[in-house]
PDB file of N, CA and C in Angstrom:
ATOM      1  N   UNK A   1       0.769  -1.228  -0.057  1.00  0.00           N
ATOM      2  CA  UNK A   1      -0.072   0.059   0.056  1.00  0.00           C
ATOM      3  C   UNK A   1       0.853   1.206  -0.037  1.00  0.00           C
ATOM      4  N   UNK A   2       0.557   2.139  -0.829  1.00  0.00           N
ATOM      5  CA  UNK A   2       1.254   3.398  -1.016  1.00  0.00           C
ATOM      6  C   UNK A   2       0.723   4.487  -0.160  1.00  0.00           C
ATOM      7  N   UNK A   3       1.644   5.382   0.439  1.00  0.00           N
ATOM      8  CA  UNK A   3       1.128   6.604   1.039  1.00  0.00           C
ATOM      9  C   UNK A   3       1.197   7.866   0.103  1.00  0.00           C
ATOM     10  N   UNK A   4       0.107   8.620   0.241  1.00  0.00           N
ATOM     11  CA  UNK A   4       0.028   9.828  -0.588  1.00  0.00           C
ATOM     12  C   UNK A   4      -0.144  10.914   0.349  1.00  0.00           C
ATOM     13  N   UNK A   5       0.649  12.168   0.118  1.00  0.00           N
ATOM     14  CA  UNK A   5       0.362  13.315   0.803  1.00  0.00           C
ATOM     15  C   UNK A   5      -0.161  14.371  -0.037  1.00  0.00           C
ATOM     16  N   UNK A   6      -1.319  15.151   0.385  1.00  0.00           N
ATOM     17  CA  UNK A   6      -2.015  16.105  -0.267  1.00  0.00           C
ATOM     18  C   UNK A   6      -2.113  17.369   0.781  1.00  0.00           C
ATOM     19  N   UNK A   7      -2.158  18.538   0.140  1.00  0.00           N
ATOM     20  CA  UNK A   7      -2.310  19.745   0.706  1.00  0.00           C
ATOM     21  C   UNK A   7      -3.795  20.306   0.403  1.00  0.00           C
ATOM     22  N   UNK A   8      -4.412  20.767   1.520  1.00  0.00           N
ATOM     23  CA  UNK A   8      -5.764  21.272   1.509  1.00  0.00           C
ATOM     24  C   UNK A   8      -5.777  22.564   2.364  1.00  0.00           C
ATOM     25  N   UNK A   9      -6.772  23.450   1.801  1.00  0.00           N
ATOM     26  CA  UNK A   9      -6.865  24.603   2.703  1.00  0.00           C
ATOM     27  C   UNK A   9      -7.726  24.261   4.028  1.00  0.00           C
ATOM     28  N   UNK A  10      -7.594  25.080   4.897  1.00  0.00           N
ATOM     29  CA  UNK A  10      -8.225  24.677   6.239  1.00  0.00           C
ATOM     30  C   UNK A  10      -9.537  24.406   6.051  1.00  0.00           C
ATOM     31  N   UNK A  11     -10.442  25.333   5.251  1.00  0.00           N
ATOM     32  CA  UNK A  11     -11.674  25.053   5.067  1.00  0.00           C
ATOM     33  C   UNK A  11     -12.312  23.705   4.481  1.00  0.00           C
ATOM     34  N   UNK A  12     -11.415  23.352   3.421  1.00  0.00           N
ATOM     35  CA  UNK A  12     -11.606  21.953   2.764  1.00  0.00           C
ATOM     36  C   UNK A  12     -11.340  20.760   3.695  1.00  0.00           C
ATOM     37  N   UNK A  13     -10.248  20.950   4.512  1.00  0.00           N
ATOM     38  CA  UNK A  13      -9.821  19.787   5.379  1.00  0.00           C
ATOM     39  C   UNK A  13     -10.907  19.634   6.553  1.00  0.00           C
ATOM     40  N   UNK A  14     -11.404  20.776   6.881  1.00  0.00           N
ATOM     41  CA  UNK A  14     -12.468  20.744   7.949  1.00  0.00           C
ATOM     42  C   UNK A  14     -13.604  19.913   7.323  1.00  0.00           C
ATOM     43  N   UNK A  15     -14.161  20.421   6.307  1.00  0.00           N
ATOM     44  CA  UNK A  15     -15.468  19.902   5.699  1.00  0.00           C
ATOM     45  C   UNK A  15     -15.252  18.303   5.402  1.00  0.00           C
ATOM     46  N   UNK A  16     -14.047  17.899   4.876  1.00  0.00           N
ATOM     47  CA  UNK A  16     -13.597  16.515   4.493  1.00  0.00           C
ATOM     48  C   UNK A  16     -13.685  15.900   5.766  1.00  0.00           C
ATOM     49  N   UNK A  17     -13.136  16.359   6.959  1.00  0.00           N
ATOM     50  CA  UNK A  17     -13.102  15.600   8.136  1.00  0.00           C
ATOM     51  C   UNK A  17     -14.491  15.293   8.724  1.00  0.00           C
ATOM     52  N   UNK A  18     -15.364  16.386   8.673  1.00  0.00           N
ATOM     53  CA  UNK A  18     -16.794  16.297   9.067  1.00  0.00           C
ATOM     54  C   UNK A  18     -17.394  15.162   8.250  1.00  0.00           C
ATOM     55  N   UNK A  19     -17.323  15.435   6.896  1.00  0.00           N
ATOM     56  CA  UNK A  19     -18.029  14.272   6.095  1.00  0.00           C
ATOM     57  C   UNK A  19     -17.612  12.957   6.411  1.00  0.00           C
ATOM     58  N   UNK A  20     -16.362  12.833   6.457  1.00  0.00           N
ATOM     59  CA  UNK A  20     -15.667  11.468   6.887  1.00  0.00           C
ATOM     60  C   UNK A  20     -16.387  10.987   8.177  1.00  0.00           C
ATOM     61  N   UNK A  21     -16.347  11.863   9.151  1.00  0.00           N
ATOM     62  CA  UNK A  21     -17.061  11.397  10.210  1.00  0.00           C
ATOM     63  C   UNK A  21     -18.530  11.011  10.216  1.00  0.00           C
ATOM     64  N   UNK A  22     -19.154  11.780   9.419  1.00  0.00           N
ATOM     65  CA  UNK A  22     -20.650  11.460   9.077  1.00  0.00           C
ATOM     66  C   UNK A  22     -20.889  10.106   8.504  1.00  0.00           C
ATOM     67  N   UNK A  23     -19.875   9.603   7.826  1.00  0.00           N
ATOM     68  CA  UNK A  23     -19.712   8.404   7.114  1.00  0.00           C
ATOM     69  C   UNK A  23     -19.266   7.126   7.822  1.00  0.00           C
ATOM     70  N   UNK A  24     -18.660   7.597   9.101  1.00  0.00           N
ATOM     71  CA  UNK A  24     -18.087   6.718   9.959  1.00  0.00           C
ATOM     72  C   UNK A  24     -16.914   6.300   9.517  1.00  0.00           C
ATOM     73  N   UNK A  25     -16.078   7.164   8.783  1.00  0.00           N
ATOM     74  CA  UNK A  25     -14.798   6.759   8.301  1.00  0.00           C
ATOM     75  C   UNK A  25     -13.792   7.790   8.629  1.00  0.00           C
ATOM     76  N   UNK A  26     -12.402   7.296   8.450  1.00  0.00           N
ATOM     77  CA  UNK A  26     -11.386   8.273   8.671  1.00  0.00           C
ATOM     78  C   UNK A  26     -11.290   9.149   7.322  1.00  0.00           C
ATOM     79  N   UNK A  27     -10.581  10.274   7.476  1.00  0.00           N
ATOM     80  CA  UNK A  27     -10.291  11.073   6.360  1.00  0.00           C
ATOM     81  C   UNK A  27      -9.613  10.384   5.265  1.00  0.00           C
ATOM     82  N   UNK A  28      -8.585   9.429   5.641  1.00  0.00           N
ATOM     83  CA  UNK A  28      -7.775   8.729   4.725  1.00  0.00           C
ATOM     84  C   UNK A  28      -8.720   7.674   3.963  1.00  0.00           C
ATOM     85  N   UNK A  29      -9.558   7.011   4.931  1.00  0.00           N
ATOM     86  CA  UNK A  29     -10.650   6.090   4.021  1.00  0.00           C
ATOM     87  C   UNK A  29     -11.550   6.818   3.213  1.00  0.00           C
ATOM     88  N   UNK A  30     -12.000   7.860   3.570  1.00  0.00           N
ATOM     89  CA  UNK A  30     -12.929   8.705   2.673  1.00  0.00           C
ATOM     90  C   UNK A  30     -12.122   9.049   1.336  1.00  0.00           C
ATOM     91  N   UNK A  31     -10.994   9.419   1.423  1.00  0.00           N
ATOM     92  CA  UNK A  31     -10.105   9.784   0.157  1.00  0.00           C
ATOM     93  C   UNK A  31      -9.763   8.418  -0.530  1.00  0.00           C
ATOM     94  N   UNK A  32      -9.492   7.506   0.041  1.00  0.00           N
ATOM     95  CA  UNK A  32      -9.244   6.035  -0.606  1.00  0.00           C
ATOM     96  C   UNK A  32     -10.470   5.693  -1.348  1.00  0.00           C
ATOM     97  N   UNK A  33     -11.740   5.632  -0.582  1.00  0.00           N
ATOM     98  CA  UNK A  33     -12.878   5.351  -1.309  1.00  0.00           C
ATOM     99  C   UNK A  33     -13.076   6.179  -2.725  1.00  0.00           C
ATOM    100  N   UNK A  34     -12.933   7.441  -2.399  1.00  0.00           N
ATOM    101  CA  UNK A  34     -13.093   8.281  -3.659  1.00  0.00           C
ATOM    102  C   UNK A  34     -12.334   8.092  -4.750  1.00  0.00           C
ATOM    103  N   UNK A  35     -11.069   7.844  -4.405  1.00  0.00           N
ATOM    104  CA  UNK A  35      -9.761   7.308  -5.424  1.00  0.00           C
ATOM    105  C   UNK A  35     -10.266   5.980  -6.077  1.00  0.00           C
ATOM    106  N   UNK A  36     -10.769   5.037  -5.293  1.00  0.00           N
ATOM    107  CA  UNK A  36     -11.133   3.788  -5.813  1.00  0.00           C
ATOM    108  C   UNK A  36     -12.161   3.925  -6.883  1.00  0.00           C
ATOM    109  N   UNK A  37     -12.988   4.737  -6.798  1.00  0.00           N
ATOM    110  CA  UNK A  37     -14.228   4.996  -7.652  1.00  0.00           C
ATOM    111  C   UNK A  37     -13.756   5.783  -8.871  1.00  0.00           C
ATOM    112  N   UNK A  38     -12.652   5.969  -9.135  1.00  0.00           N
ATOM    113  CA  UNK A  38     -12.181   6.653 -10.320  1.00  0.00           C
ATOM    114  C   UNK A  38     -12.374   5.966 -11.620  1.00  0.00           C
ATOM    115  N   UNK A  39     -12.990   4.868 -11.683  1.00  0.00           N
ATOM    116  CA  UNK A  39     -13.255   4.060 -12.854  1.00  0.00           C
ATOM    117  C   UNK A  39     -14.242   4.633 -13.845  1.00  0.00           C
ATOM    118  N   UNK A  40     -14.812   5.701 -13.589  1.00  0.00           N
ATOM    119  CA  UNK A  40     -15.912   6.273 -14.297  1.00  0.00           C
ATOM    120  C   UNK A  40     -17.240   6.164 -13.919  1.00  0.00           C
ATOM    121  N   UNK A  41     -17.384   5.436 -12.709  1.00  0.00           N
ATOM    122  CA  UNK A  41     -18.561   5.277 -11.995  1.00  0.00           C
ATOM    123  C   UNK A  41     -19.175   6.537 -11.876  1.00  0.00           C
ATOM    124  N   UNK A  42     -18.410   7.688 -11.151  1.00  0.00           N
ATOM    125  CA  UNK A  42     -18.897   8.698 -10.883  1.00  0.00           C
ATOM    126  C   UNK A  42     -18.426   9.941 -11.687  1.00  0.00           C
ATOM    127  N   UNK A  43     -19.244  10.788 -12.052  1.00  0.00           N
ATOM    128  CA  UNK A  43     -18.782  11.834 -12.915  1.00  0.00           C
ATOM    129  C   UNK A  43     -18.389  13.117 -12.172  1.00  0.00           C
ATOM    130  N   UNK A  44     -17.946  14.148 -12.666  1.00  0.00           N
ATOM    131  CA  UNK A  44     -17.547  15.143 -11.803  1.00  0.00           C
ATOM    132  C   UNK A  44     -18.654  15.844 -11.010  1.00  0.00           C
ATOM    133  N   UNK A  45     -18.321  15.946  -9.725  1.00  0.00           N
ATOM    134  CA  UNK A  45     -19.150  16.449  -8.869  1.00  0.00           C
ATOM    135  C   UNK A  45     -20.266  15.637  -8.407  1.00  0.00           C
ATOM    136  N   UNK A  46     -20.355  14.336  -8.885  1.00  0.00           N
ATOM    137  CA  UNK A  46     -21.222  13.357  -8.328  1.00  0.00           C
ATOM    138  C   UNK A  46     -20.862  12.743  -6.926  1.00  0.00           C
ATOM    139  N   UNK A  47     -21.948  12.632  -6.194  1.00  0.00           N
ATOM    140  CA  UNK A  47     -21.754  12.390  -4.734  1.00  0.00           C
ATOM    141  C   UNK A  47     -21.612  10.820  -4.694  1.00  0.00           C
ATOM    142  N   UNK A  48     -20.572  10.219  -3.942  1.00  0.00           N
ATOM    143  CA  UNK A  48     -20.539   8.782  -3.759  1.00  0.00           C
ATOM    144  C   UNK A  48     -21.341   8.483  -2.465  1.00  0.00           C
ATOM    145  N   UNK A  49     -22.313   7.579  -2.510  1.00  0.00           N
ATOM    146  CA  UNK A  49     -23.004   7.101  -1.212  1.00  0.00           C
ATOM    147  C   UNK A  49     -22.157   6.173  -0.446  1.00  0.00           C
ATOM    148  N   UNK A  50     -22.522   6.124   0.872  1.00  0.00           N
ATOM    149  CA  UNK A  50     -21.546   5.121   1.714  1.00  0.00           C
ATOM    150  C   UNK A  50     -21.590   3.597   1.243  1.00  0.00           C
ATOM    151  N   UNK A  51     -22.561   3.249   0.223  1.00  0.00           N
ATOM    152  CA  UNK A  51     -22.635   1.955  -0.295  1.00  0.00           C
ATOM    153  C   UNK A  51     -21.767   1.860  -1.367  1.00  0.00           C
ATOM    154  N   UNK A  52     -21.033   3.029  -1.871  1.00  0.00           N
ATOM    155  CA  UNK A  52     -20.028   2.966  -3.023  1.00  0.00           C
ATOM    156  C   UNK A  52     -20.642   3.316  -4.291  1.00  0.00           C
ATOM    157  N   UNK A  53     -21.946   3.500  -4.348  1.00  0.00           N
ATOM    158  CA  UNK A  53     -22.600   3.755  -5.699  1.00  0.00           C
ATOM    159  C   UNK A  53     -22.846   5.403  -5.680  1.00  0.00           C
ATOM    160  N   UNK A  54     -22.932   6.096  -6.821  1.00  0.00           N
ATOM    161  CA  UNK A  54     -23.316   7.348  -6.957  1.00  0.00           C
ATOM    162  C   UNK A  54     -24.577   7.642  -6.675  1.00  0.00           C
ATOM    163  N   UNK A  55     -24.891   8.849  -6.187  1.00  0.00           N
ATOM    164  CA  UNK A  55     -26.378   9.185  -5.784  1.00  0.00           C
ATOM    165  C   UNK A  55     -27.355   9.076  -6.931  1.00  0.00           C
ATOM    166  N   UNK A  56     -26.977   9.351  -8.179  1.00  0.00           N
ATOM    167  CA  UNK A  56     -27.811   9.311  -9.268  1.00  0.00           C
ATOM    168  C   UNK A  56     -28.123   7.767  -9.467  1.00  0.00           C
ATOM    169  N   UNK A  57     -27.149   6.800  -9.445  1.00  0.00           N
ATOM    170  CA  UNK A  57     -27.331   5.424  -9.567  1.00  0.00           C
ATOM    171  C   UNK A  57     -28.300   4.862  -8.451  1.00  0.00           C
ATOM    172  N   UNK A  58     -28.174   5.290  -7.131  1.00  0.00           N
ATOM    173  CA  UNK A  58     -28.881   5.050  -6.097  1.00  0.00           C
ATOM    174  C   UNK A  58     -30.225   5.527  -6.364  1.00  0.00           C
ATOM    175  N   UNK A  59     -30.597   6.494  -6.818  1.00  0.00           N
ATOM    176  CA  UNK A  59     -31.847   7.140  -7.102  1.00  0.00           C
ATOM    177  C   UNK A  59     -32.548   6.366  -8.262  1.00  0.00           C
ATOM    178  N   UNK A  60     -31.865   6.027  -9.304  1.00  0.00           N
ATOM    179  CA  UNK A  60     -32.241   5.071 -10.377  1.00  0.00           C
ATOM    180  C   UNK A  60     -32.872   3.765  -9.821  1.00  0.00           C
ATOM    181  N   UNK A  61     -31.878   3.078  -9.132  1.00  0.00           N
ATOM    182  CA  UNK A  61     -32.334   2.026  -8.347  1.00  0.00           C
ATOM    183  C   UNK A  61     -33.711   2.087  -7.630  1.00  0.00           C
ATOM    184  N   UNK A  62     -33.715   3.158  -6.764  1.00  0.00           N
ATOM    185  CA  UNK A  62     -34.800   3.314  -5.953  1.00  0.00           C
ATOM    186  C   UNK A  62     -36.075   3.516  -6.791  1.00  0.00           C
ATOM    187  N   UNK A  63     -36.027   4.218  -7.902  1.00  0.00           N
ATOM    188  CA  UNK A  63     -37.315   4.353  -8.591  1.00  0.00           C
ATOM    189  C   UNK A  63     -37.660   3.087  -9.249  1.00  0.00           C
ATOM    190  N   UNK A  64     -36.638   2.260  -9.598  1.00  0.00           N
ATOM    191  CA  UNK A  64     -36.891   0.782 -10.279  1.00  0.00           C
ATOM    192  C   UNK A  64     -37.624   0.051  -9.145  1.00  0.00           C
ATOM    193  N   UNK A  65     -37.113   0.109  -7.945  1.00  0.00           N
ATOM    194  CA  UNK A  65     -37.764  -0.743  -6.971  1.00  0.00           C
ATOM    195  C   UNK A  65     -39.171  -0.229  -6.487  1.00  0.00           C
ATOM    196  N   UNK A  66     -39.515   1.038  -6.624  1.00  0.00           N
ATOM    197  CA  UNK A  66     -40.822   1.619  -6.485  1.00  0.00           C
ATOM    198  C   UNK A  66     -41.769   1.082  -7.594  1.00  0.00           C
ATOM    199  N   UNK A  67     -41.241   1.111  -8.812  1.00  0.00           N
ATOM    200  CA  UNK A  67     -42.137   0.657  -9.888  1.00  0.00           C
ATOM    201  C   UNK A  67     -42.349  -0.843  -9.834  1.00  0.00           C
ATOM    202  N   UNK A  68     -41.407  -1.718  -9.426  1.00  0.00           N
ATOM    203  CA  UNK A  68     -41.553  -3.144  -9.375  1.00  0.00           C
ATOM    204  C   UNK A  68     -42.525  -3.391  -8.170  1.00  0.00           C
ATOM    205  N   UNK A  69     -42.536  -2.569  -7.121  1.00  0.00           N
ATOM    206  CA  UNK A  69     -43.417  -2.728  -5.999  1.00  0.00           C
ATOM    207  C   UNK A  69     -44.841  -2.440  -6.562  1.00  0.00           C
ATOM    208  N   UNK A  70     -44.959  -1.333  -7.173  1.00  0.00           N
ATOM    209  CA  UNK A  70     -46.275  -0.932  -7.661  1.00  0.00           C
ATOM    210  C   UNK A  70     -47.032  -2.069  -8.656  1.00  0.00           C
ATOM    211  N   UNK A  71     -46.058  -2.702  -9.517  1.00  0.00           N
ATOM    212  CA  UNK A  71     -46.573  -3.587 -10.305  1.00  0.00           C
ATOM    213  C   UNK A  71     -47.049  -4.891  -9.630  1.00  0.00           C
ATOM    214  N   UNK A  72     -46.330  -5.305  -8.560  1.00  0.00           N
ATOM    215  CA  UNK A  72     -46.601  -6.360  -7.532  1.00  0.00           C
ATOM    216  C   UNK A  72     -47.984  -6.079  -7.062  1.00  0.00           C
ATOM    217  N   UNK A  73     -48.130  -5.070  -6.449  1.00  0.00           N
ATOM    218  CA  UNK A  73     -49.523  -4.555  -5.918  1.00  0.00           C
ATOM    219  C   UNK A  73     -50.615  -4.609  -6.886  1.00  0.00           C
ATOM    220  N   UNK A  74     -50.268  -4.057  -8.023  1.00  0.00           N
ATOM    221  CA  UNK A  74     -51.242  -3.952  -8.957  1.00  0.00           C
ATOM    222  C   UNK A  74     -51.694  -5.341  -9.673  1.00  0.00           C
ATOM    223  N   UNK A  75     -50.769  -6.310  -9.596  1.00  0.00           N
ATOM    224  CA  UNK A  75     -50.935  -7.571 -10.169  1.00  0.00           C
ATOM    225  C   UNK A  75     -51.886  -8.482  -9.161  1.00  0.00           C
ATOM    226  N   UNK A  76     -52.011  -7.969  -8.064  1.00  0.00           N
ATOM    227  CA  UNK A  76     -52.891  -8.980  -7.048  1.00  0.00           C
ATOM    228  C   UNK A  76     -52.048  -9.898  -6.327  1.00  0.00           C
ATOM    229  N   UNK A  77     -50.823  -9.745  -6.579  1.00  0.00           N
ATOM    230  CA  UNK A  77     -49.815 -10.869  -5.945  1.00  0.00           C
ATOM    231  C   UNK A  77     -49.985 -10.822  -4.286  1.00  0.00           C
ATOM    232  N   UNK A  78     -50.172 -11.936  -3.677  1.00  0.00           N
ATOM    233  CA  UNK A  78     -50.269 -11.973  -2.191  1.00  0.00           C
ATOM    234  C   UNK A  78     -49.176 -13.144  -1.868  1.00  0.00           C
ATOM    235  N   UNK A  79     -48.251 -12.901  -1.187  1.00  0.00           N
ATOM    236  CA  UNK A  79     -47.479 -14.058  -0.639  1.00  0.00           C
ATOM    237  C   UNK A  79     -48.142 -15.069   0.130  1.00  0.00           C
ATOM    238  N   UNK A  80     -49.203 -14.621   0.848  1.00  0.00           N
ATOM    239  CA  UNK A  80     -50.069 -15.467   1.583  1.00  0.00           C
ATOM    240  C   UNK A  80     -50.749 -16.482   0.812  1.00  0.00           C
ATOM    241  N   UNK A  81     -51.007 -16.115  -0.441  1.00  0.00           N
ATOM    242  CA  UNK A  81     -51.712 -17.118  -1.372  1.00  0.00           C
ATOM    243  C   UNK A  81     -50.760 -18.323  -1.723  1.00  0.00           C
ATOM    244  N   UNK A  82     -49.741 -18.190  -1.503  1.00  0.00           N
ATOM    245  CA  UNK A  82     -48.602 -19.250  -2.008  1.00  0.00           C
ATOM    246  C   UNK A  82     -48.219 -20.229  -0.768  1.00  0.00           C
ATOM    247  N   UNK A  83     -48.127 -19.798   0.285  1.00  0.00           N
ATOM    248  CA  UNK A  83     -47.638 -20.726   1.448  1.00  0.00           C
ATOM    249  C   UNK A  83     -48.487 -20.363   2.763  1.00  0.00           C
ATOM    250  N   UNK A  84     -48.739 -21.404   3.559  1.00  0.00           N
ATOM    251  CA  UNK A  84     -49.417 -21.058   4.957  1.00  0.00           C
ATOM    252  C   UNK A  84     -48.318 -20.527   5.797  1.00  0.00           C
ATOM    253  N   UNK A  85     -48.660 -19.966   6.898  1.00  0.00           N
ATOM    254  CA  UNK A  85     -47.999 -19.586   7.982  1.00  0.00           C
ATOM    255  C   UNK A  85     -46.997 -20.665   8.376  1.00  0.00           C
ATOM    256  N   UNK A  86     -47.525 -21.856   8.663  1.00  0.00           N
ATOM    257  CA  UNK A  86     -46.874 -23.061   9.031  1.00  0.00           C
ATOM    258  C   UNK A  86     -45.870 -23.577   8.022  1.00  0.00           C
ATOM    259  N   UNK A  87     -46.288 -23.473   6.826  1.00  0.00           N
ATOM    260  CA  UNK A  87     -45.178 -23.808   5.919  1.00  0.00           C
ATOM    261  C   UNK A  87     -43.996 -22.929   5.590  1.00  0.00           C
ATOM    262  N   UNK A  88     -44.478 -21.587   5.813  1.00  0.00           N
ATOM    263  CA  UNK A  88     -43.283 -20.629   5.844  1.00  0.00           C
ATOM    264  C   UNK A  88     -42.212 -21.052   6.964  1.00  0.00           C
ATOM    265  N   UNK A  89     -42.897 -21.335   8.183  1.00  0.00           N
ATOM    266  CA  UNK A  89     -41.903 -21.536   9.388  1.00  0.00           C
ATOM    267  C   UNK A  89     -41.579 -22.949   9.648  1.00  0.00           C
ATOM    268  N   UNK A  90     -41.670 -23.800   8.818  1.00  0.00           N
ATOM    269  CA  UNK A  90     -41.301 -25.219   8.890  1.00  0.00           C
ATOM    270  C   UNK A  90     -39.850 -25.406   8.715  1.00  0.00           C
ATOM    271  N   UNK A  91     -39.308 -25.194   9.863  1.00  0.00           N
ATOM    272  CA  UNK A  91     -37.744 -25.255   9.892  1.00  0.00           C
ATOM    273  C   UNK A  91     -37.341 -26.789   9.636  1.00  0.00           C
ATOM    274  N   UNK A  92     -38.101 -27.772   9.904  1.00  0.00           N
ATOM    275  CA  UNK A  92     -37.713 -29.187   9.871  1.00  0.00           C
ATOM    276  C   UNK A  92     -37.730 -29.334   8.348  1.00  0.00           C
ATOM    277  N   UNK A  93     -38.568 -28.922   7.515  1.00  0.00           N
ATOM    278  CA  UNK A  93     -38.663 -29.108   6.040  1.00  0.00           C
ATOM    279  C   UNK A  93     -37.517 -28.396   5.503  1.00  0.00           C
ATOM    280  N   UNK A  94     -37.145 -27.252   5.837  1.00  0.00           N
ATOM    281  CA  UNK A  94     -35.900 -26.427   5.417  1.00  0.00           C
ATOM    282  C   UNK A  94     -34.682 -27.333   5.573  1.00  0.00           C
ATOM    283  N   UNK A  95     -34.432 -27.907   6.782  1.00  0.00           N
ATOM    284  CA  UNK A  95     -33.363 -28.823   7.025  1.00  0.00           C
ATOM    285  C   UNK A  95     -33.282 -29.866   6.101  1.00  0.00           C
ATOM    286  N   UNK A  96     -34.313 -30.519   5.912  1.00  0.00           N
ATOM    287  CA  UNK A  96     -34.543 -31.650   5.174  1.00  0.00           C
ATOM    288  C   UNK A  96     -34.028 -31.530   3.768  1.00  0.00           C
ATOM    289  N   UNK A  97     -34.600 -30.363   3.158  1.00  0.00           N
ATOM    290  CA  UNK A  97     -34.459 -29.895   1.715  1.00  0.00           C
ATOM    291  C   UNK A  97     -32.745 -29.456   1.710  1.00  0.00           C
ATOM    292  N   UNK A  98     -32.294 -28.926   2.761  1.00  0.00           N
ATOM    293  CA  UNK A  98     -30.947 -28.590   2.802  1.00  0.00           C
ATOM    294  C   UNK A  98     -30.052 -29.608   2.518  1.00  0.00           C
ATOM    295  N   UNK A  99     -30.383 -30.681   3.411  1.00  0.00           N
ATOM    296  CA  UNK A  99     -29.525 -31.992   3.485  1.00  0.00           C
ATOM    297  C   UNK A  99     -29.675 -32.793   2.066  1.00  0.00           C
ATOM    298  N   UNK A 100     -31.058 -32.815   1.675  1.00  0.00           N
ATOM    299  CA  UNK A 100     -31.093 -33.482   0.428  1.00  0.00           C
ATOM    300  C   UNK A 100     -30.260 -32.843  -0.778  1.00  0.00           C
ATOM    301  N   UNK A 101     -30.316 -31.537  -0.886  1.00  0.00           N
ATOM    302  CA  UNK A 101     -29.580 -30.705  -1.833  1.00  0.00           C
ATOM    303  C   UNK A 101     -28.170 -31.099  -1.699  1.00  0.00           C
ATOM    304  N   UNK A 102     -27.692 -31.053  -0.377  1.00  0.00           N
ATOM    305  CA  UNK A 102     -26.077 -31.273  -0.065  1.00  0.00           C
ATOM    306  C   UNK A 102     -25.645 -32.877  -0.536  1.00  0.00           C
ATOM    307  N   UNK A 103     -26.747 -33.718  -0.302  1.00  0.00           N
ATOM    308  CA  UNK A 103     -26.302 -35.060  -0.804  1.00  0.00           C
ATOM    309  C   UNK A 103     -26.259 -35.245  -2.251  1.00  0.00           C
ATOM    310  N   UNK A 104     -27.098 -34.535  -3.041  1.00  0.00           N
ATOM    311  CA  UNK A 104     -27.149 -34.516  -4.473  1.00  0.00           C
ATOM    312  C   UNK A 104     -25.913 -34.027  -4.943  1.00  0.00           C
ATOM    313  N   UNK A 105     -25.247 -32.865  -4.329  1.00  0.00           N
ATOM    314  CA  UNK A 105     -24.093 -32.257  -4.724  1.00  0.00           C
ATOM    315  C   UNK A 105     -22.906 -33.187  -4.726  1.00  0.00           C
ATOM    316  N   UNK A 106     -22.994 -34.174  -3.690  1.00  0.00           N
ATOM    317  CA  UNK A 106     -21.844 -34.976  -3.321  1.00  0.00           C
ATOM    318  C   UNK A 106     -21.688 -36.145  -4.249  1.00  0.00           C
TER     319      UNK A 106
END
């Protein structure tokens, strides 16, 4: 691992330290994450979310999730129509299926 020294004015340094603390990171970790995302995923001025994706990508995925949820609700899908509560919580069945699948792989 290489060390890099950068110079920042006091205001930028303070803002960067505050932002790093908000994200639960060190300033070094924040800079490392930003530099690791130089592969074109983030454009100039785009914010990188704590998950490592850009805000615009996060918003796109969020819109996609909302649309899929809307489609599920509109289709009349109900998970309770598929399995009873007892079937959902049948851990013995889950164990049996896990062991059967493991035996098939052997």
